[in-house]
Amino acid sequence: MAQTRRRLRSSTVVLGGMGVLAAALSACGSDPDRRCVDRNSYTLGDGYKVVSDKNCSGGSSGSLGKGKSRSRSTDADWYYDSDVRNGYAEHGTFSRSEAVDRGGFGCSGSGGG
């Protein structure tokens, strides 16, 4: 018996691979994982205390417009791509662009918001 192998055309392989890539990219958002933290709450070993997202309402990090919703006792800002444990976030960055550059996309599954 002669064995016949089906050969895939290169265009079929390329298109199939692009479909897999598109599905993978759409499953994860392009925004990095972020937490609203109080910049004044940092402690060695714990990090920054995670506060309500309403304290960080507004756009990206450093936006002056978001200050209206902050309470006076909280200097809240978005903290990206961090490890969250027991209500504290550490090993992250306040720079959204830096978080994206280092691969901090929202698919890590590290904690809830």
Protein backbone atom coordinates (compact mmCIF):
# COMPACT_ATOMS: atom_id res chain seq x y z
CA MET A 1 0.00 0.00 0.00
CA ALA A 2 1.24 3.38 -0.86
CA GLN A 3 0.86 5.96 1.83
CA THR A 4 -0.39 9.31 0.72
CA ARG A 5 0.31 12.35 2.80
CA ARG A 6 -1.73 15.43 2.53
CA ARG A 7 0.45 18.45 2.04
CA LEU A 8 -0.81 21.74 3.33
CA ARG A 9 -0.30 24.79 1.25
CA SER A 10 1.81 27.47 2.83
CA SER A 11 -1.08 29.95 2.60
CA THR A 12 -3.28 27.57 4.62
CA VAL A 13 -0.66 27.30 7.34
CA VAL A 14 -0.14 31.07 7.44
CA LEU A 15 -3.85 31.85 7.59
CA GLY A 16 -4.42 29.23 10.29
CA GLY A 17 -1.56 30.61 12.34
CA MET A 18 -2.89 34.15 12.02
CA GLY A 19 -6.30 32.99 13.23
CA VAL A 20 -4.75 31.44 16.33
CA LEU A 21 -2.74 34.61 16.96
CA ALA A 22 -5.83 36.82 16.55
CA ALA A 23 -7.79 34.68 19.01
CA ALA A 24 -4.98 34.85 21.55
CA LEU A 25 -4.66 38.62 21.28
CA SER A 26 -8.39 39.25 21.53
CA ALA A 27 -8.63 37.08 24.65
CA CYS A 28 -6.31 39.49 26.48
CA GLY A 29 -6.94 43.20 26.48
CA SER A 30 -4.26 45.58 25.37
CA ASP A 31 -4.52 47.45 28.65
CA PRO A 32 -2.16 46.34 31.39
CA ASP A 33 -3.50 45.03 34.67
CA ARG A 34 -4.01 47.96 37.04
CA ARG A 35 -4.99 48.66 40.63
CA CYS A 36 -5.92 51.92 42.30
CA VAL A 37 -3.49 52.49 45.18
CA ASP A 38 -2.77 55.18 47.74
CA ARG A 39 0.71 56.57 46.99
CA ASN A 40 1.07 57.69 50.61
CA SER A 41 0.50 54.21 52.04
CA TYR A 42 3.69 52.42 50.98
CA THR A 43 5.22 50.08 53.55
CA LEU A 44 8.31 47.95 53.10
CA GLY A 45 7.32 44.33 52.61
CA ASP A 46 3.69 45.08 51.76
CA GLY A 47 3.73 47.74 49.08
CA TYR A 48 0.90 50.20 48.37
CA LYS A 49 -2.56 49.82 49.90
CA VAL A 50 -5.20 49.09 47.24
CA VAL A 51 -8.11 51.56 47.46
CA SER A 52 -11.43 51.86 45.65
CA ASP A 53 -11.23 52.45 41.90
CA LYS A 54 -13.43 55.55 42.30
CA ASN A 55 -10.40 57.28 43.85
CA CYS A 56 -8.57 56.86 40.54
CA SER A 57 -11.43 57.72 38.22
CA GLY A 58 -10.31 59.26 35.00
CA GLY A 59 -7.83 58.38 32.32
CA SER A 60 -4.22 57.40 32.47
CA SER A 61 -1.67 57.89 35.20
CA GLY A 62 -0.80 61.48 35.92
CA SER A 63 -4.08 62.94 34.71
CA LEU A 64 -4.86 66.17 36.54
CA GLY A 65 -8.58 65.85 35.93
CA LYS A 66 -9.01 62.86 38.22
CA GLY A 67 -8.11 64.86 41.35
CA LYS A 68 -11.71 66.01 41.74
CA SER A 69 -12.86 62.57 42.85
CA ARG A 70 -10.01 61.95 45.30
CA SER A 71 -10.47 62.34 48.98
CA ARG A 72 -7.98 64.62 50.67
CA SER A 73 -6.48 61.84 52.79
CA THR A 74 -5.77 59.65 49.76
CA ASP A 75 -3.22 60.35 47.04
CA ALA A 76 -4.60 57.69 44.70
CA ASP A 77 -3.18 56.71 41.34
CA TRP A 78 -3.23 53.72 38.99
CA TYR A 79 -0.50 51.16 39.73
CA TYR A 80 0.12 48.81 36.80
CA ASP A 81 1.28 45.20 36.49
CA SER A 82 1.68 44.58 40.21
CA ASP A 83 1.52 41.58 42.50
CA VAL A 84 -1.51 41.90 44.80
CA ARG A 85 -1.61 40.23 48.19
CA ASN A 86 -3.77 40.93 51.25
CA GLY A 87 -5.01 44.25 49.90
CA TYR A 88 -1.54 45.55 49.00
CA ALA A 89 0.13 45.88 45.59
CA GLU A 90 3.88 45.76 44.98
CA HIS A 91 6.48 45.23 42.25
CA GLY A 92 4.52 47.31 39.75
CA THR A 93 4.85 50.69 38.08
CA PHE A 94 2.88 53.94 37.97
CA SER A 95 3.77 54.27 34.27
CA ARG A 96 1.20 52.68 31.96
CA SER A 97 3.57 52.71 28.98
CA GLU A 98 6.30 50.99 31.02
CA ALA A 99 3.82 48.27 32.04
CA VAL A 100 2.89 47.65 28.41
CA ASP A 101 6.57 47.61 27.35
CA ARG A 102 7.39 44.92 29.89
CA GLY A 103 4.42 42.76 28.88
CA GLY A 104 2.03 43.65 31.69
CA PHE A 105 -1.20 42.77 29.95
CA GLY A 106 -4.37 41.92 31.81
CA CYS A 107 -4.24 38.15 31.38
CA SER A 108 -2.08 37.25 34.33
CA GLY A 109 -5.03 36.28 36.53
CA SER A 110 -3.37 37.83 39.56
CA GLY A 111 -6.17 38.81 41.88
CA GLY A 112 -9.46 40.53 41.37
CA GLY A 113 -10.36 44.14 41.08
